[in-house]
């Protein structure tokens, strides 16, 4: 960790936020039989895995965990892993998960495959919302909202059994 980094959230605080968000998702979907939890590749997917584990401990609702892969050079190219058809998404609830919202571009483009399907409901989850939106996107469930300067960077680290968030 560089000396200029400031710890924003430690592992215990992140686990508390994940547990709180899991309960919020359960309250929002208590009548559902199944929901899809879709994490944006890398840290967003790791966050989604942890959220899925917490959700499974408090609910009997079946979850289907998938990864959203975006092409950074061409963000309109979005792939779901495992791949799902529009027919398999029809009438489902999807929860799109990412670690940090900067401009909103990644989250906006990650919604594309779900907007093309006839979804019942789409919800968005963030661990950290930086509040620097350039795109008209708002998260439904947020671990923490933080006003930062454009020069500051939020770094989320998910290590085996440990997690932390830093402001640099």
N, C-alpha and C. Protein backbone atom coordinates (compact mmCIF):
# COMPACT_ATOMS: atom_id res chain seq x y z
N UNK A 1 0.84 -1.18 0.00
CA UNK A 1 0.00 0.00 0.00
C UNK A 1 0.89 1.24 0.00
N UNK A 2 0.72 2.15 -0.97
CA UNK A 2 1.49 3.38 -0.98
C UNK A 2 1.15 4.24 0.24
N UNK A 3 2.12 5.04 0.69
CA UNK A 3 1.92 5.85 1.89
C UNK A 3 0.85 6.91 1.70
N UNK A 4 0.52 7.26 0.45
CA UNK A 4 -0.50 8.28 0.20
C UNK A 4 -1.92 7.72 0.27
N UNK A 5 -2.06 6.41 0.43
CA UNK A 5 -3.38 5.79 0.49
C UNK A 5 -3.95 5.87 1.90
N UNK A 6 -5.26 6.15 1.96
CA UNK A 6 -5.97 6.21 3.23
C UNK A 6 -7.02 5.10 3.24
N UNK A 7 -7.02 4.33 4.31
CA UNK A 7 -8.00 3.25 4.44
C UNK A 7 -9.39 3.85 4.62
N UNK A 8 -10.30 3.48 3.74
CA UNK A 8 -11.67 3.95 3.81
C UNK A 8 -12.56 2.92 4.51
N UNK A 9 -12.44 1.65 4.09
CA UNK A 9 -13.21 0.56 4.68
C UNK A 9 -12.30 -0.63 4.93
N UNK A 10 -12.38 -1.20 6.13
CA UNK A 10 -11.61 -2.40 6.40
C UNK A 10 -12.50 -3.62 6.16
N UNK A 11 -11.95 -4.80 6.35
CA UNK A 11 -12.66 -6.04 6.06
C UNK A 11 -13.96 -6.16 6.85
N UNK A 12 -13.93 -5.83 8.12
CA UNK A 12 -15.13 -5.94 8.96
C UNK A 12 -16.23 -4.99 8.46
N UNK A 13 -15.85 -3.77 8.10
CA UNK A 13 -16.83 -2.80 7.61
C UNK A 13 -17.42 -3.25 6.26
N UNK A 14 -16.59 -3.81 5.40
CA UNK A 14 -17.07 -4.30 4.11
C UNK A 14 -18.04 -5.46 4.31
N UNK A 15 -17.72 -6.37 5.22
CA UNK A 15 -18.64 -7.48 5.50
C UNK A 15 -19.97 -6.98 6.03
N UNK A 16 -19.94 -5.94 6.88
CA UNK A 16 -21.19 -5.35 7.39
C UNK A 16 -22.01 -4.75 6.26
N UNK A 17 -21.36 -4.08 5.34
CA UNK A 17 -22.06 -3.46 4.21
C UNK A 17 -22.63 -4.53 3.29
N UNK A 18 -21.89 -5.60 3.07
CA UNK A 18 -22.38 -6.70 2.25
C UNK A 18 -23.61 -7.33 2.90
N UNK A 19 -23.56 -7.57 4.20
CA UNK A 19 -24.70 -8.14 4.91
C UNK A 19 -25.92 -7.23 4.82
N UNK A 20 -25.73 -5.93 5.00
CA UNK A 20 -26.85 -4.97 4.92
C UNK A 20 -27.46 -4.97 3.53
N UNK A 21 -26.61 -4.96 2.50
CA UNK A 21 -27.10 -4.96 1.13
C UNK A 21 -27.83 -6.27 0.83
N UNK A 22 -27.33 -7.39 1.34
CA UNK A 22 -28.01 -8.68 1.14
C UNK A 22 -29.43 -8.63 1.70
N UNK A 23 -29.60 -8.05 2.89
CA UNK A 23 -30.93 -7.91 3.47
C UNK A 23 -31.80 -6.98 2.63
N UNK A 24 -31.24 -5.91 2.11
CA UNK A 24 -32.01 -4.99 1.27
C UNK A 24 -32.48 -5.70 -0.01
N UNK A 25 -31.62 -6.48 -0.60
CA UNK A 25 -31.99 -7.23 -1.80
C UNK A 25 -33.10 -8.23 -1.47
N UNK A 26 -32.96 -8.91 -0.33
CA UNK A 26 -33.99 -9.86 0.09
C UNK A 26 -35.33 -9.15 0.30
N UNK A 27 -35.32 -8.01 0.98
CA UNK A 27 -36.57 -7.27 1.21
C UNK A 27 -37.20 -6.82 -0.11
N UNK A 28 -36.37 -6.44 -1.07
CA UNK A 28 -36.85 -5.97 -2.36
C UNK A 28 -37.39 -7.11 -3.23
N UNK A 29 -36.98 -8.34 -2.94
CA UNK A 29 -37.33 -9.49 -3.79
C UNK A 29 -37.89 -10.67 -3.00
N UNK A 30 -38.49 -10.42 -1.87
CA UNK A 30 -38.92 -11.50 -0.98
C UNK A 30 -39.93 -12.46 -1.61
N UNK A 31 -40.65 -12.02 -2.64
CA UNK A 31 -41.65 -12.87 -3.28
C UNK A 31 -41.09 -13.66 -4.46
N UNK A 32 -39.83 -13.45 -4.80
CA UNK A 32 -39.24 -14.11 -5.96
C UNK A 32 -38.82 -15.55 -5.64
N UNK A 33 -38.76 -16.36 -6.67
CA UNK A 33 -38.29 -17.74 -6.55
C UNK A 33 -36.81 -17.80 -6.88
N UNK A 34 -36.39 -16.95 -7.82
CA UNK A 34 -35.01 -16.95 -8.29
C UNK A 34 -34.62 -15.53 -8.70
N UNK A 35 -33.37 -15.16 -8.42
CA UNK A 35 -32.82 -13.90 -8.92
C UNK A 35 -31.45 -14.17 -9.54
N UNK A 36 -31.05 -13.29 -10.42
CA UNK A 36 -29.74 -13.38 -11.06
C UNK A 36 -28.86 -12.29 -10.45
N UNK A 37 -27.71 -12.68 -9.95
CA UNK A 37 -26.73 -11.72 -9.44
C UNK A 37 -25.60 -11.68 -10.46
N UNK A 38 -25.43 -10.51 -11.07
CA UNK A 38 -24.46 -10.35 -12.15
C UNK A 38 -23.38 -9.35 -11.75
N UNK A 39 -22.17 -9.85 -11.59
CA UNK A 39 -21.05 -9.00 -11.19
C UNK A 39 -20.22 -8.58 -12.39
N UNK A 40 -19.82 -7.31 -12.41
CA UNK A 40 -18.98 -6.81 -13.49
C UNK A 40 -17.57 -7.31 -13.26
N UNK A 41 -16.97 -7.85 -14.34
CA UNK A 41 -15.68 -8.53 -14.29
C UNK A 41 -14.67 -7.90 -13.34
N UNK A 42 -13.90 -8.77 -12.76
CA UNK A 42 -12.84 -8.52 -11.80
C UNK A 42 -13.42 -8.18 -10.43
N UNK A 43 -13.15 -7.01 -9.89
CA UNK A 43 -13.56 -6.70 -8.51
C UNK A 43 -15.07 -6.71 -8.33
N UNK A 44 -15.81 -6.27 -9.32
CA UNK A 44 -17.27 -6.29 -9.23
C UNK A 44 -17.81 -7.71 -9.11
N UNK A 45 -17.17 -8.65 -9.82
CA UNK A 45 -17.60 -10.04 -9.75
C UNK A 45 -17.24 -10.66 -8.40
N UNK A 46 -16.07 -10.32 -7.88
CA UNK A 46 -15.68 -10.83 -6.55
C UNK A 46 -16.66 -10.30 -5.50
N UNK A 47 -17.01 -9.01 -5.60
CA UNK A 47 -17.99 -8.42 -4.70
C UNK A 47 -19.33 -9.15 -4.85
N UNK A 48 -19.73 -9.47 -6.08
CA UNK A 48 -20.98 -10.19 -6.33
C UNK A 48 -20.95 -11.58 -5.70
N UNK A 49 -19.80 -12.26 -5.78
CA UNK A 49 -19.68 -13.59 -5.16
C UNK A 49 -19.89 -13.50 -3.65
N UNK A 50 -19.29 -12.50 -3.03
CA UNK A 50 -19.44 -12.34 -1.57
C UNK A 50 -20.87 -11.95 -1.21
N UNK A 51 -21.46 -11.12 -2.03
CA UNK A 51 -22.85 -10.73 -1.81
C UNK A 51 -23.77 -11.94 -1.98
N UNK A 52 -23.51 -12.77 -2.96
CA UNK A 52 -24.29 -13.98 -3.19
C UNK A 52 -24.20 -14.93 -1.98
N UNK A 53 -22.99 -15.07 -1.43
CA UNK A 53 -22.82 -15.91 -0.24
C UNK A 53 -23.63 -15.38 0.93
N UNK A 54 -23.57 -14.07 1.16
CA UNK A 54 -24.32 -13.46 2.26
C UNK A 54 -25.82 -13.60 2.04
N UNK A 55 -26.27 -13.41 0.81
CA UNK A 55 -27.69 -13.53 0.48
C UNK A 55 -28.17 -14.96 0.70
N UNK A 56 -27.37 -15.93 0.30
CA UNK A 56 -27.75 -17.34 0.44
C UNK A 56 -27.90 -17.76 1.90
N UNK A 57 -27.20 -17.08 2.81
CA UNK A 57 -27.29 -17.40 4.23
C UNK A 57 -28.60 -16.92 4.85
N UNK A 58 -29.21 -15.89 4.26
CA UNK A 58 -30.42 -15.32 4.86
C UNK A 58 -31.69 -15.62 4.09
N UNK A 59 -31.56 -16.21 2.91
CA UNK A 59 -32.73 -16.41 2.07
C UNK A 59 -32.70 -17.78 1.38
N UNK A 60 -33.90 -18.31 1.14
CA UNK A 60 -34.00 -19.56 0.39
C UNK A 60 -34.24 -19.29 -1.10
N UNK A 61 -34.25 -18.02 -1.50
CA UNK A 61 -34.41 -17.67 -2.91
C UNK A 61 -33.20 -18.19 -3.67
N UNK A 62 -33.45 -18.89 -4.75
CA UNK A 62 -32.38 -19.43 -5.58
C UNK A 62 -31.67 -18.27 -6.30
N UNK A 63 -30.34 -18.33 -6.33
CA UNK A 63 -29.58 -17.32 -7.06
C UNK A 63 -28.79 -17.96 -8.18
N UNK A 64 -28.61 -17.21 -9.22
CA UNK A 64 -27.81 -17.62 -10.36
C UNK A 64 -26.74 -16.55 -10.52
N UNK A 65 -25.48 -16.90 -10.28
CA UNK A 65 -24.37 -15.94 -10.32
C UNK A 65 -23.74 -15.94 -11.70
N UNK A 66 -23.64 -14.76 -12.31
CA UNK A 66 -22.99 -14.64 -13.61
C UNK A 66 -22.01 -13.48 -13.60
N UNK A 67 -21.10 -13.51 -14.56
CA UNK A 67 -20.09 -12.46 -14.69
C UNK A 67 -20.36 -11.67 -15.97
N UNK A 68 -20.25 -10.35 -15.85
CA UNK A 68 -20.42 -9.46 -16.99
C UNK A 68 -19.03 -9.04 -17.45
N UNK A 69 -18.72 -9.32 -18.70
CA UNK A 69 -17.42 -8.95 -19.27
C UNK A 69 -17.63 -7.85 -20.29
N UNK A 70 -16.92 -6.73 -20.08
CA UNK A 70 -16.99 -5.60 -21.00
C UNK A 70 -15.68 -5.44 -21.74
N UNK A 71 -15.77 -5.06 -22.99
CA UNK A 71 -14.60 -4.72 -23.76
C UNK A 71 -14.34 -3.23 -23.53
N UNK A 72 -13.24 -2.89 -22.83
CA UNK A 72 -12.96 -1.49 -22.49
C UNK A 72 -12.74 -0.62 -23.73
N UNK A 73 -12.23 -1.23 -24.81
CA UNK A 73 -12.01 -0.48 -26.04
C UNK A 73 -13.31 -0.22 -26.79
N UNK A 74 -14.25 -1.14 -26.66
CA UNK A 74 -15.55 -1.00 -27.30
C UNK A 74 -16.61 -1.43 -26.28
N UNK A 75 -17.05 -0.50 -25.41
CA UNK A 75 -17.94 -0.88 -24.31
C UNK A 75 -19.32 -1.38 -24.74
N UNK A 76 -19.64 -1.25 -26.02
CA UNK A 76 -20.92 -1.81 -26.46
C UNK A 76 -20.84 -3.33 -26.59
N UNK A 77 -19.62 -3.89 -26.56
CA UNK A 77 -19.43 -5.34 -26.59
C UNK A 77 -19.48 -5.86 -25.15
N UNK A 78 -20.59 -6.45 -24.79
CA UNK A 78 -20.81 -6.96 -23.44
C UNK A 78 -21.14 -8.44 -23.54
N UNK A 79 -20.48 -9.25 -22.71
CA UNK A 79 -20.74 -10.69 -22.71
C UNK A 79 -21.08 -11.14 -21.31
N UNK A 80 -21.98 -12.10 -21.22
CA UNK A 80 -22.35 -12.71 -19.95
C UNK A 80 -21.69 -14.07 -19.88
N UNK A 81 -21.13 -14.39 -18.72
CA UNK A 81 -20.47 -15.67 -18.53
C UNK A 81 -21.02 -16.32 -17.26
N UNK A 82 -21.71 -17.42 -17.30
CA UNK A 82 -22.10 -18.13 -18.50
C UNK A 82 -23.12 -17.33 -19.30
N UNK A 83 -23.15 -17.60 -20.56
CA UNK A 83 -24.00 -16.89 -21.49
C UNK A 83 -25.47 -17.23 -21.22
N UNK A 84 -26.32 -16.22 -21.31
CA UNK A 84 -27.75 -16.42 -21.12
C UNK A 84 -28.50 -15.85 -22.31
N UNK A 85 -29.57 -16.51 -22.70
CA UNK A 85 -30.37 -16.01 -23.81
C UNK A 85 -31.42 -15.02 -23.29
N UNK A 86 -31.95 -14.22 -24.20
CA UNK A 86 -33.03 -13.30 -23.82
C UNK A 86 -34.22 -14.07 -23.27
N UNK A 87 -34.46 -15.25 -23.82
CA UNK A 87 -35.59 -16.07 -23.35
C UNK A 87 -35.37 -16.54 -21.91
N UNK A 88 -34.13 -16.90 -21.56
CA UNK A 88 -33.85 -17.35 -20.19
C UNK A 88 -33.87 -16.20 -19.19
N UNK A 89 -33.72 -14.97 -19.68
CA UNK A 89 -33.77 -13.79 -18.81
C UNK A 89 -35.19 -13.24 -18.64
N UNK A 90 -36.07 -13.64 -19.52
CA UNK A 90 -37.43 -13.10 -19.54
C UNK A 90 -38.14 -13.31 -18.19
N UNK A 91 -38.67 -12.21 -17.67
CA UNK A 91 -39.43 -12.25 -16.43
C UNK A 91 -38.60 -12.42 -15.17
N UNK A 92 -37.29 -12.35 -15.28
CA UNK A 92 -36.39 -12.53 -14.14
C UNK A 92 -36.01 -11.19 -13.51
N UNK A 93 -35.54 -11.28 -12.29
CA UNK A 93 -34.97 -10.13 -11.58
C UNK A 93 -33.47 -10.28 -11.66
N UNK A 94 -32.79 -9.21 -12.06
CA UNK A 94 -31.33 -9.22 -12.11
C UNK A 94 -30.80 -8.11 -11.22
N UNK A 95 -29.74 -8.45 -10.50
CA UNK A 95 -29.05 -7.49 -9.63
C UNK A 95 -27.64 -7.35 -10.20
N UNK A 96 -27.33 -6.16 -10.74
CA UNK A 96 -26.03 -5.89 -11.34
C UNK A 96 -25.13 -5.28 -10.27
N UNK A 97 -23.94 -5.86 -10.09
CA UNK A 97 -23.06 -5.51 -8.98
C UNK A 97 -21.72 -5.01 -9.51
N UNK A 98 -21.23 -3.90 -8.94
CA UNK A 98 -19.89 -3.41 -9.24
C UNK A 98 -19.28 -2.87 -7.96
N UNK A 99 -17.95 -2.76 -7.96
CA UNK A 99 -17.27 -2.30 -6.75
C UNK A 99 -17.33 -0.78 -6.59
N UNK A 100 -16.97 -0.02 -7.64
CA UNK A 100 -16.90 1.44 -7.53
C UNK A 100 -17.60 2.08 -8.72
N UNK A 101 -18.40 3.10 -8.46
CA UNK A 101 -19.00 3.89 -9.54
C UNK A 101 -18.22 5.18 -9.67
N UNK A 102 -17.58 5.35 -10.82
CA UNK A 102 -16.86 6.59 -11.09
C UNK A 102 -17.75 7.50 -11.93
N UNK A 103 -17.73 7.31 -13.23
CA UNK A 103 -18.53 8.14 -14.13
C UNK A 103 -19.91 7.54 -14.40
N UNK A 104 -20.05 6.25 -14.22
CA UNK A 104 -21.28 5.55 -14.52
C UNK A 104 -21.25 4.85 -15.86
N UNK A 105 -20.18 5.02 -16.63
CA UNK A 105 -20.08 4.44 -17.97
C UNK A 105 -20.11 2.91 -17.94
N UNK A 106 -19.28 2.31 -17.11
CA UNK A 106 -19.21 0.84 -17.04
C UNK A 106 -20.56 0.26 -16.63
N UNK A 107 -21.17 0.82 -15.61
CA UNK A 107 -22.45 0.30 -15.14
C UNK A 107 -23.53 0.48 -16.20
N UNK A 108 -23.52 1.61 -16.88
CA UNK A 108 -24.51 1.85 -17.93
C UNK A 108 -24.39 0.81 -19.04
N UNK A 109 -23.19 0.59 -19.56
CA UNK A 109 -23.00 -0.37 -20.64
C UNK A 109 -23.24 -1.81 -20.18
N UNK A 110 -22.99 -2.10 -18.91
CA UNK A 110 -23.20 -3.47 -18.41
C UNK A 110 -24.67 -3.84 -18.37
N UNK A 111 -25.55 -2.87 -18.40
CA UNK A 111 -26.99 -3.14 -18.37
C UNK A 111 -27.54 -3.57 -19.73
N UNK A 112 -26.77 -3.35 -20.78
CA UNK A 112 -27.25 -3.59 -22.15
C UNK A 112 -27.86 -4.97 -22.38
N UNK A 113 -27.19 -6.07 -22.02
CA UNK A 113 -27.81 -7.37 -22.32
C UNK A 113 -29.13 -7.59 -21.59
N UNK A 114 -29.31 -6.94 -20.48
CA UNK A 114 -30.54 -7.10 -19.71
C UNK A 114 -31.66 -6.22 -20.27
N UNK A 115 -31.29 -5.07 -20.83
CA UNK A 115 -32.29 -4.18 -21.43
C UNK A 115 -32.86 -4.78 -22.72
N UNK A 116 -32.07 -5.64 -23.36
CA UNK A 116 -32.53 -6.29 -24.58
C UNK A 116 -33.48 -7.45 -24.29
N UNK A 117 -33.51 -7.91 -23.05
CA UNK A 117 -34.40 -8.98 -22.63
C UNK A 117 -35.61 -8.36 -21.93
N UNK A 118 -36.65 -9.12 -21.80
CA UNK A 118 -37.87 -8.64 -21.14
C UNK A 118 -37.78 -8.97 -19.65
N UNK A 119 -36.92 -8.21 -18.95
CA UNK A 119 -36.67 -8.44 -17.53
C UNK A 119 -37.87 -7.99 -16.69
N UNK A 120 -38.05 -8.62 -15.56
CA UNK A 120 -39.08 -8.18 -14.62
C UNK A 120 -38.60 -6.93 -13.88
N UNK A 121 -37.30 -6.98 -13.46
CA UNK A 121 -36.77 -5.87 -12.67
C UNK A 121 -35.25 -5.93 -12.72
N UNK A 122 -34.62 -4.76 -12.78
CA UNK A 122 -33.16 -4.65 -12.71
C UNK A 122 -32.82 -3.75 -11.54
N UNK A 123 -31.91 -4.21 -10.70
CA UNK A 123 -31.41 -3.41 -9.58
C UNK A 123 -29.90 -3.31 -9.70
N UNK A 124 -29.34 -2.23 -9.16
CA UNK A 124 -27.89 -2.03 -9.21
C UNK A 124 -27.35 -1.91 -7.79
N UNK A 125 -26.15 -2.48 -7.60
CA UNK A 125 -25.49 -2.50 -6.30
C UNK A 125 -24.06 -2.01 -6.47
N UNK A 126 -23.63 -1.14 -5.56
CA UNK A 126 -22.25 -0.64 -5.55
C UNK A 126 -21.69 -0.74 -4.14
N UNK A 127 -20.42 -1.03 -4.05
CA UNK A 127 -19.75 -0.94 -2.76
C UNK A 127 -19.45 0.52 -2.45
N UNK A 128 -18.90 1.26 -3.44
CA UNK A 128 -18.56 2.68 -3.25
C UNK A 128 -19.11 3.48 -4.42
N UNK A 129 -19.87 4.51 -4.11
CA UNK A 129 -20.36 5.46 -5.12
C UNK A 129 -19.57 6.75 -4.93
N UNK A 130 -18.75 7.09 -5.93
CA UNK A 130 -17.89 8.29 -5.85
C UNK A 130 -18.64 9.58 -6.13
N UNK A 131 -19.82 9.48 -6.70
CA UNK A 131 -20.64 10.66 -6.96
C UNK A 131 -20.04 11.60 -8.01
N UNK A 132 -19.41 11.03 -9.04
CA UNK A 132 -18.87 11.82 -10.16
C UNK A 132 -19.55 11.40 -11.46
N UNK A 133 -20.84 11.27 -11.44
CA UNK A 133 -21.55 10.70 -12.59
C UNK A 133 -21.52 11.60 -13.82
N UNK A 134 -21.21 10.98 -14.97
CA UNK A 134 -21.36 11.63 -16.27
C UNK A 134 -22.54 11.00 -17.00
N UNK A 135 -22.98 9.85 -16.54
CA UNK A 135 -24.09 9.13 -17.13
C UNK A 135 -25.24 9.13 -16.13
N UNK A 136 -26.48 9.14 -16.63
CA UNK A 136 -27.63 9.22 -15.72
C UNK A 136 -27.94 7.88 -15.07
N UNK A 137 -27.12 7.49 -14.12
CA UNK A 137 -27.30 6.20 -13.47
C UNK A 137 -27.27 6.39 -11.95
N UNK A 138 -28.16 5.69 -11.29
CA UNK A 138 -28.24 5.76 -9.83
C UNK A 138 -28.29 4.32 -9.32
N UNK A 139 -27.51 4.05 -8.30
CA UNK A 139 -27.50 2.71 -7.72
C UNK A 139 -28.67 2.55 -6.75
N UNK A 140 -29.24 1.37 -6.74
CA UNK A 140 -30.34 1.08 -5.82
C UNK A 140 -29.84 0.78 -4.41
N UNK A 141 -28.70 0.08 -4.33
CA UNK A 141 -28.14 -0.28 -3.03
C UNK A 141 -26.66 0.06 -3.04
N UNK A 142 -26.22 0.84 -2.03
CA UNK A 142 -24.85 1.33 -1.98
C UNK A 142 -24.26 1.08 -0.61
N UNK A 143 -23.01 0.57 -0.59
CA UNK A 143 -22.31 0.38 0.67
C UNK A 143 -21.97 1.71 1.30
N UNK A 144 -21.32 2.60 0.53
CA UNK A 144 -20.98 3.92 1.02
C UNK A 144 -20.89 4.89 -0.15
N UNK A 145 -21.31 6.12 0.10
CA UNK A 145 -21.20 7.19 -0.89
C UNK A 145 -20.11 8.13 -0.42
N UNK A 146 -19.25 8.51 -1.36
CA UNK A 146 -18.07 9.28 -1.01
C UNK A 146 -17.85 10.37 -2.04
N UNK A 147 -17.74 11.60 -1.60
CA UNK A 147 -17.39 12.69 -2.51
C UNK A 147 -15.88 12.82 -2.53
N UNK A 148 -15.31 12.59 -3.70
CA UNK A 148 -13.86 12.67 -3.86
C UNK A 148 -13.55 13.70 -4.93
N UNK A 149 -12.29 14.09 -5.01
CA UNK A 149 -11.88 14.94 -6.12
C UNK A 149 -11.66 14.04 -7.33
N UNK A 150 -11.65 14.62 -8.51
CA UNK A 150 -11.42 13.83 -9.72
C UNK A 150 -10.02 13.23 -9.74
N UNK A 151 -9.09 13.83 -9.02
CA UNK A 151 -7.72 13.32 -8.98
C UNK A 151 -7.55 12.13 -8.05
N UNK A 152 -8.46 11.97 -7.11
CA UNK A 152 -8.36 10.85 -6.18
C UNK A 152 -8.84 9.56 -6.84
N UNK A 153 -8.29 8.47 -6.37
CA UNK A 153 -8.60 7.15 -6.91
C UNK A 153 -9.09 6.26 -5.77
N UNK A 154 -10.13 5.48 -6.03
CA UNK A 154 -10.63 4.50 -5.05
C UNK A 154 -10.10 3.14 -5.48
N UNK A 155 -9.44 2.45 -4.57
CA UNK A 155 -8.89 1.13 -4.85
C UNK A 155 -9.54 0.12 -3.93
N UNK A 156 -10.16 -0.90 -4.52
CA UNK A 156 -10.80 -1.97 -3.77
C UNK A 156 -9.92 -3.20 -3.90
N UNK A 157 -9.58 -3.80 -2.77
CA UNK A 157 -8.77 -5.01 -2.76
C UNK A 157 -9.56 -6.14 -2.13
N UNK A 158 -9.73 -7.20 -2.90
CA UNK A 158 -10.34 -8.42 -2.39
C UNK A 158 -9.25 -9.48 -2.40
N UNK A 159 -8.78 -9.84 -1.23
CA UNK A 159 -7.79 -10.90 -1.09
C UNK A 159 -8.48 -12.09 -0.42
N UNK A 160 -7.83 -13.22 -0.41
CA UNK A 160 -8.39 -14.42 0.20
C UNK A 160 -8.79 -14.14 1.65
N UNK A 161 -10.11 -14.10 1.90
CA UNK A 161 -10.61 -13.91 3.25
C UNK A 161 -10.45 -12.50 3.80
N UNK A 162 -10.08 -11.52 2.98
CA UNK A 162 -9.86 -10.17 3.46
C UNK A 162 -10.21 -9.19 2.35
N UNK A 163 -10.70 -8.02 2.75
CA UNK A 163 -11.02 -6.98 1.77
C UNK A 163 -10.76 -5.62 2.38
N UNK A 164 -10.47 -4.64 1.54
CA UNK A 164 -10.29 -3.28 2.00
C UNK A 164 -10.51 -2.30 0.85
N UNK A 165 -10.83 -1.08 1.22
CA UNK A 165 -11.03 -0.01 0.25
C UNK A 165 -10.15 1.16 0.67
N UNK A 166 -9.40 1.68 -0.31
CA UNK A 166 -8.48 2.79 -0.06
C UNK A 166 -8.81 3.97 -0.95
N UNK A 167 -8.53 5.17 -0.44
CA UNK A 167 -8.57 6.39 -1.24
C UNK A 167 -7.14 6.82 -1.45
N UNK A 168 -6.76 7.03 -2.71
CA UNK A 168 -5.39 7.44 -3.01
C UNK A 168 -5.39 8.81 -3.66
